[in-house]
Amino acid sequence: MPEISFDDFLKLDIRAGTVTRAEPYPEARVPAIKLWVDFGPEIGEKKSSAQITAHYTPGALVGKQVMAVVNFPPRQIGRFMSEVLVLGVHDASGGVILVQPSLPAPDGARLS
């Protein structure tokens, strides 16, 4: 990966949010879950399609806090418009583990 400047990093708006709703997304090319995430009053609720089925079920996600990039342009994923990029890391088998605050954070709190 090429080096970037700190100013480049600051262009990313990464926020904490709470999953308010989650549904399976069987129409996706790669198994995914549709998420609705509340980022507080400044940003509101945004949608995301996330390939996180290796470790998560829709029912277990509601109420969990996640971290997401909120200033990418929306992206059409099949018939679903994904508005934010929920962040995760791959485990040894390639499954995605969500990036989450280690303690409760206010919805909309910005990564600093």
N, C-alpha and C. Protein backbone atom coordinates (compact mmCIF):
# COMPACT_ATOMS: atom_id res chain seq x y z
N MET A 1 0.84 -1.18 0.00
CA MET A 1 0.00 0.00 0.00
C MET A 1 0.89 1.25 0.00
N PRO A 2 0.48 2.24 -0.77
CA PRO A 2 1.27 3.49 -0.76
C PRO A 2 1.04 4.25 0.54
N GLU A 3 2.06 5.00 0.94
CA GLU A 3 1.90 5.86 2.12
C GLU A 3 0.94 6.99 1.80
N ILE A 4 0.18 7.41 2.82
CA ILE A 4 -0.68 8.57 2.67
C ILE A 4 -0.30 9.57 3.76
N SER A 5 -0.72 10.78 3.58
CA SER A 5 -0.44 11.80 4.59
C SER A 5 -1.52 11.75 5.67
N PHE A 6 -1.22 12.39 6.79
CA PHE A 6 -2.21 12.48 7.86
C PHE A 6 -3.43 13.25 7.36
N ASP A 7 -3.22 14.25 6.52
CA ASP A 7 -4.35 15.00 5.95
C ASP A 7 -5.25 14.08 5.12
N ASP A 8 -4.65 13.11 4.40
CA ASP A 8 -5.45 12.14 3.66
C ASP A 8 -6.31 11.31 4.61
N PHE A 9 -5.71 10.87 5.71
CA PHE A 9 -6.46 10.09 6.70
C PHE A 9 -7.63 10.89 7.26
N LEU A 10 -7.42 12.17 7.50
CA LEU A 10 -8.47 13.01 8.07
C LEU A 10 -9.67 13.19 7.14
N LYS A 11 -9.49 12.87 5.88
CA LYS A 11 -10.61 12.96 4.93
C LYS A 11 -11.64 11.87 5.17
N LEU A 12 -11.23 10.78 5.83
CA LEU A 12 -12.17 9.71 6.17
C LEU A 12 -12.98 10.12 7.39
N ASP A 13 -14.28 10.00 7.28
CA ASP A 13 -15.16 10.28 8.41
C ASP A 13 -15.65 8.94 8.96
N ILE A 14 -14.98 8.46 10.01
CA ILE A 14 -15.28 7.15 10.60
C ILE A 14 -16.01 7.39 11.91
N ARG A 15 -17.22 6.82 12.01
CA ARG A 15 -18.08 7.07 13.16
C ARG A 15 -18.58 5.77 13.79
N ALA A 16 -18.94 5.87 15.08
CA ALA A 16 -19.59 4.77 15.79
C ALA A 16 -21.09 4.89 15.56
N GLY A 17 -21.74 3.75 15.43
CA GLY A 17 -23.19 3.72 15.29
C GLY A 17 -23.74 2.42 15.84
N THR A 18 -25.03 2.42 16.11
CA THR A 18 -25.70 1.24 16.67
C THR A 18 -26.62 0.63 15.62
N VAL A 19 -26.49 -0.68 15.43
CA VAL A 19 -27.35 -1.39 14.49
C VAL A 19 -28.78 -1.40 15.06
N THR A 20 -29.72 -0.86 14.28
CA THR A 20 -31.12 -0.81 14.70
C THR A 20 -31.96 -1.89 14.05
N ARG A 21 -31.48 -2.40 12.91
CA ARG A 21 -32.22 -3.41 12.16
C ARG A 21 -31.22 -4.17 11.31
N ALA A 22 -31.47 -5.46 11.11
CA ALA A 22 -30.60 -6.30 10.28
C ALA A 22 -31.44 -7.38 9.62
N GLU A 23 -31.17 -7.62 8.35
CA GLU A 23 -31.92 -8.64 7.59
C GLU A 23 -30.96 -9.43 6.71
N PRO A 24 -31.27 -10.69 6.48
CA PRO A 24 -30.46 -11.45 5.52
C PRO A 24 -30.57 -10.80 4.15
N TYR A 25 -29.53 -10.96 3.34
CA TYR A 25 -29.55 -10.44 1.97
C TYR A 25 -29.18 -11.57 1.02
N PRO A 26 -30.14 -12.52 0.83
CA PRO A 26 -29.84 -13.70 0.02
C PRO A 26 -29.64 -13.39 -1.46
N GLU A 27 -30.10 -12.23 -1.94
CA GLU A 27 -29.93 -11.89 -3.35
C GLU A 27 -28.51 -11.43 -3.69
N ALA A 28 -27.72 -11.12 -2.69
CA ALA A 28 -26.34 -10.65 -2.92
C ALA A 28 -25.50 -11.77 -3.55
N ARG A 29 -24.53 -11.38 -4.39
CA ARG A 29 -23.64 -12.38 -5.01
C ARG A 29 -22.86 -13.15 -3.97
N VAL A 30 -22.36 -12.45 -2.95
CA VAL A 30 -21.66 -13.06 -1.82
C VAL A 30 -22.60 -12.93 -0.63
N PRO A 31 -22.78 -13.99 0.17
CA PRO A 31 -23.70 -13.89 1.31
C PRO A 31 -23.44 -12.63 2.13
N ALA A 32 -24.52 -11.92 2.45
CA ALA A 32 -24.40 -10.65 3.14
C ALA A 32 -25.60 -10.43 4.06
N ILE A 33 -25.48 -9.39 4.86
CA ILE A 33 -26.55 -8.97 5.76
C ILE A 33 -26.80 -7.48 5.50
N LYS A 34 -28.06 -7.10 5.38
CA LYS A 34 -28.42 -5.69 5.25
C LYS A 34 -28.52 -5.12 6.66
N LEU A 35 -27.86 -3.98 6.86
CA LEU A 35 -27.84 -3.33 8.17
C LEU A 35 -28.42 -1.91 8.07
N TRP A 36 -29.12 -1.50 9.12
CA TRP A 36 -29.53 -0.13 9.31
C TRP A 36 -28.84 0.32 10.59
N VAL A 37 -28.04 1.39 10.49
CA VAL A 37 -27.19 1.81 11.60
C VAL A 37 -27.52 3.25 11.97
N ASP A 38 -27.75 3.49 13.26
CA ASP A 38 -28.05 4.84 13.77
C ASP A 38 -26.74 5.52 14.16
N PHE A 39 -26.43 6.64 13.47
CA PHE A 39 -25.23 7.41 13.76
C PHE A 39 -25.55 8.70 14.50
N GLY A 40 -26.66 8.73 15.21
CA GLY A 40 -27.00 9.90 16.02
C GLY A 40 -27.67 10.99 15.21
N PRO A 41 -28.03 12.11 15.90
CA PRO A 41 -28.84 13.14 15.26
C PRO A 41 -28.14 13.88 14.11
N GLU A 42 -26.84 14.00 14.13
CA GLU A 42 -26.14 14.74 13.08
C GLU A 42 -26.20 14.02 11.73
N ILE A 43 -26.05 12.68 11.75
CA ILE A 43 -25.99 11.89 10.52
C ILE A 43 -27.27 11.10 10.29
N GLY A 44 -27.86 10.60 11.36
CA GLY A 44 -29.08 9.81 11.25
C GLY A 44 -28.81 8.35 10.96
N GLU A 45 -29.85 7.67 10.50
CA GLU A 45 -29.76 6.24 10.20
C GLU A 45 -29.31 6.05 8.76
N LYS A 46 -28.33 5.16 8.56
CA LYS A 46 -27.80 4.85 7.24
C LYS A 46 -27.82 3.34 7.04
N LYS A 47 -27.86 2.92 5.77
CA LYS A 47 -27.91 1.50 5.41
C LYS A 47 -26.55 1.02 4.92
N SER A 48 -26.31 -0.28 5.12
CA SER A 48 -25.09 -0.90 4.62
C SER A 48 -25.35 -2.37 4.31
N SER A 49 -24.67 -2.87 3.29
CA SER A 49 -24.66 -4.30 3.00
C SER A 49 -23.29 -4.80 3.43
N ALA A 50 -23.27 -5.80 4.30
CA ALA A 50 -21.99 -6.26 4.86
C ALA A 50 -21.85 -7.78 4.70
N GLN A 51 -20.70 -8.22 4.23
CA GLN A 51 -20.41 -9.64 4.04
C GLN A 51 -19.85 -10.21 5.35
N ILE A 52 -20.73 -10.35 6.32
CA ILE A 52 -20.31 -10.73 7.69
C ILE A 52 -21.00 -11.99 8.18
N THR A 53 -21.50 -12.81 7.26
CA THR A 53 -22.30 -13.97 7.65
C THR A 53 -21.50 -15.09 8.30
N ALA A 54 -20.17 -15.07 8.21
CA ALA A 54 -19.37 -16.13 8.82
C ALA A 54 -19.47 -16.10 10.34
N HIS A 55 -19.64 -14.91 10.92
CA HIS A 55 -19.64 -14.80 12.38
C HIS A 55 -20.91 -14.18 12.98
N TYR A 56 -21.80 -13.66 12.13
CA TYR A 56 -22.94 -12.91 12.65
C TYR A 56 -24.24 -13.35 11.99
N THR A 57 -25.32 -13.26 12.76
CA THR A 57 -26.67 -13.46 12.24
C THR A 57 -27.40 -12.13 12.40
N PRO A 58 -28.41 -11.89 11.58
CA PRO A 58 -29.14 -10.63 11.71
C PRO A 58 -29.65 -10.37 13.12
N GLY A 59 -30.22 -11.35 13.76
CA GLY A 59 -30.79 -11.17 15.09
C GLY A 59 -29.76 -10.79 16.14
N ALA A 60 -28.54 -11.30 16.00
CA ALA A 60 -27.49 -11.01 16.98
C ALA A 60 -26.88 -9.63 16.78
N LEU A 61 -27.12 -9.00 15.64
CA LEU A 61 -26.49 -7.71 15.35
C LEU A 61 -27.24 -6.51 15.91
N VAL A 62 -28.55 -6.64 16.06
CA VAL A 62 -29.35 -5.51 16.54
C VAL A 62 -28.88 -5.11 17.94
N GLY A 63 -28.58 -3.83 18.10
CA GLY A 63 -28.08 -3.31 19.37
C GLY A 63 -26.57 -3.24 19.47
N LYS A 64 -25.86 -3.88 18.54
CA LYS A 64 -24.38 -3.84 18.56
C LYS A 64 -23.89 -2.52 17.98
N GLN A 65 -22.82 -2.02 18.55
CA GLN A 65 -22.17 -0.84 17.96
C GLN A 65 -21.14 -1.30 16.95
N VAL A 66 -21.02 -0.53 15.87
CA VAL A 66 -20.05 -0.80 14.81
C VAL A 66 -19.35 0.51 14.46
N MET A 67 -18.27 0.40 13.72
CA MET A 67 -17.57 1.56 13.18
C MET A 67 -17.76 1.52 11.67
N ALA A 68 -17.96 2.71 11.08
CA ALA A 68 -18.19 2.77 9.64
C ALA A 68 -17.67 4.07 9.06
N VAL A 69 -17.26 4.00 7.79
CA VAL A 69 -16.93 5.20 7.03
C VAL A 69 -18.26 5.76 6.53
N VAL A 70 -18.56 7.01 6.90
CA VAL A 70 -19.86 7.58 6.56
C VAL A 70 -19.79 8.61 5.43
N ASN A 71 -18.60 8.87 4.89
CA ASN A 71 -18.53 9.89 3.83
C ASN A 71 -18.08 9.34 2.48
N PHE A 72 -18.26 8.05 2.24
CA PHE A 72 -18.12 7.51 0.88
C PHE A 72 -19.43 7.75 0.15
N PRO A 73 -19.41 7.84 -1.18
CA PRO A 73 -20.68 7.97 -1.91
C PRO A 73 -21.48 6.67 -1.78
N PRO A 74 -22.81 6.74 -1.83
CA PRO A 74 -23.62 5.52 -1.78
C PRO A 74 -23.24 4.59 -2.93
N ARG A 75 -23.42 3.29 -2.69
CA ARG A 75 -23.05 2.28 -3.69
C ARG A 75 -24.20 1.28 -3.83
N GLN A 76 -24.62 1.05 -5.05
CA GLN A 76 -25.68 0.09 -5.32
C GLN A 76 -25.12 -1.32 -5.20
N ILE A 77 -25.69 -2.11 -4.29
CA ILE A 77 -25.30 -3.51 -4.11
C ILE A 77 -26.54 -4.33 -4.46
N GLY A 78 -26.60 -4.81 -5.70
CA GLY A 78 -27.82 -5.47 -6.17
C GLY A 78 -28.98 -4.48 -6.15
N ARG A 79 -30.04 -4.82 -5.47
CA ARG A 79 -31.20 -3.93 -5.36
C ARG A 79 -31.17 -3.07 -4.11
N PHE A 80 -30.06 -3.08 -3.40
CA PHE A 80 -29.94 -2.39 -2.12
C PHE A 80 -28.91 -1.27 -2.23
N MET A 81 -29.26 -0.09 -1.76
CA MET A 81 -28.32 1.04 -1.78
C MET A 81 -27.57 1.08 -0.46
N SER A 82 -26.26 0.83 -0.52
CA SER A 82 -25.42 0.86 0.67
C SER A 82 -24.87 2.27 0.82
N GLU A 83 -25.12 2.88 1.98
CA GLU A 83 -24.77 4.29 2.20
C GLU A 83 -23.50 4.49 3.02
N VAL A 84 -23.08 3.47 3.76
CA VAL A 84 -21.87 3.56 4.57
C VAL A 84 -21.09 2.25 4.44
N LEU A 85 -19.80 2.31 4.76
CA LEU A 85 -18.96 1.11 4.74
C LEU A 85 -18.67 0.71 6.18
N VAL A 86 -19.31 -0.37 6.62
CA VAL A 86 -19.06 -0.91 7.95
C VAL A 86 -17.68 -1.56 7.93
N LEU A 87 -16.89 -1.31 8.97
CA LEU A 87 -15.50 -1.76 8.99
C LEU A 87 -15.33 -3.10 9.71
N GLY A 88 -14.42 -3.91 9.18
CA GLY A 88 -14.11 -5.19 9.79
C GLY A 88 -12.72 -5.64 9.38
N VAL A 89 -12.27 -6.70 10.01
CA VAL A 89 -11.00 -7.33 9.68
C VAL A 89 -11.26 -8.80 9.39
N HIS A 90 -10.41 -9.39 8.57
CA HIS A 90 -10.57 -10.81 8.24
C HIS A 90 -9.89 -11.69 9.28
N ASP A 91 -10.57 -12.78 9.63
CA ASP A 91 -9.94 -13.77 10.52
C ASP A 91 -9.08 -14.71 9.67
N ALA A 92 -8.49 -15.71 10.29
CA ALA A 92 -7.59 -16.63 9.59
C ALA A 92 -8.29 -17.41 8.47
N SER A 93 -9.62 -17.56 8.57
CA SER A 93 -10.37 -18.30 7.55
C SER A 93 -10.99 -17.39 6.50
N GLY A 94 -10.80 -16.09 6.63
CA GLY A 94 -11.36 -15.16 5.66
C GLY A 94 -12.69 -14.55 6.05
N GLY A 95 -13.26 -14.98 7.18
CA GLY A 95 -14.50 -14.38 7.68
C GLY A 95 -14.23 -12.99 8.22
N VAL A 96 -15.25 -12.13 8.19
CA VAL A 96 -15.08 -10.76 8.64
C VAL A 96 -15.52 -10.61 10.10
N ILE A 97 -14.67 -9.97 10.89
CA ILE A 97 -14.96 -9.63 12.28
C ILE A 97 -15.16 -8.13 12.33
N LEU A 98 -16.30 -7.70 12.83
CA LEU A 98 -16.61 -6.27 12.88
C LEU A 98 -15.69 -5.50 13.82
N VAL A 99 -15.36 -4.28 13.42
CA VAL A 99 -14.61 -3.36 14.28
C VAL A 99 -15.64 -2.64 15.14
N GLN A 100 -15.45 -2.72 16.46
CA GLN A 100 -16.41 -2.15 17.40
C GLN A 100 -15.67 -1.39 18.50
N PRO A 101 -16.30 -0.34 19.07
CA PRO A 101 -15.70 0.29 20.25
C PRO A 101 -15.63 -0.74 21.38
N SER A 102 -14.59 -0.68 22.20
CA SER A 102 -14.47 -1.64 23.30
C SER A 102 -15.38 -1.29 24.47
N LEU A 103 -15.85 -0.05 24.51
CA LEU A 103 -16.83 0.40 25.50
C LEU A 103 -17.93 1.15 24.76
N PRO A 104 -19.13 1.30 25.34
CA PRO A 104 -20.18 2.05 24.64
C PRO A 104 -19.72 3.47 24.32
N ALA A 105 -20.03 3.89 23.11
CA ALA A 105 -19.69 5.24 22.65
C ALA A 105 -20.97 5.91 22.16
N PRO A 106 -21.04 7.22 22.22
CA PRO A 106 -22.24 7.89 21.68
C PRO A 106 -22.37 7.62 20.19
N ASP A 107 -23.59 7.36 19.72
CA ASP A 107 -23.80 7.20 18.28
C ASP A 107 -23.37 8.48 17.58
N GLY A 108 -22.57 8.32 16.55
CA GLY A 108 -22.05 9.46 15.81
C GLY A 108 -20.67 9.90 16.26
N ALA A 109 -20.13 9.29 17.34
CA ALA A 109 -18.79 9.65 17.81
C ALA A 109 -17.79 9.38 16.70
N ARG A 110 -16.92 10.35 16.46
CA ARG A 110 -15.94 10.22 15.37
C ARG A 110 -14.64 9.59 15.87
N LEU A 111 -14.09 8.70 15.03
CA LEU A 111 -12.79 8.11 15.34
C LEU A 111 -11.76 9.21 15.40
N SER A 112 -10.96 9.19 16.47
CA SER A 112 -9.93 10.22 16.60
C SER A 112 -8.63 9.60 17.05
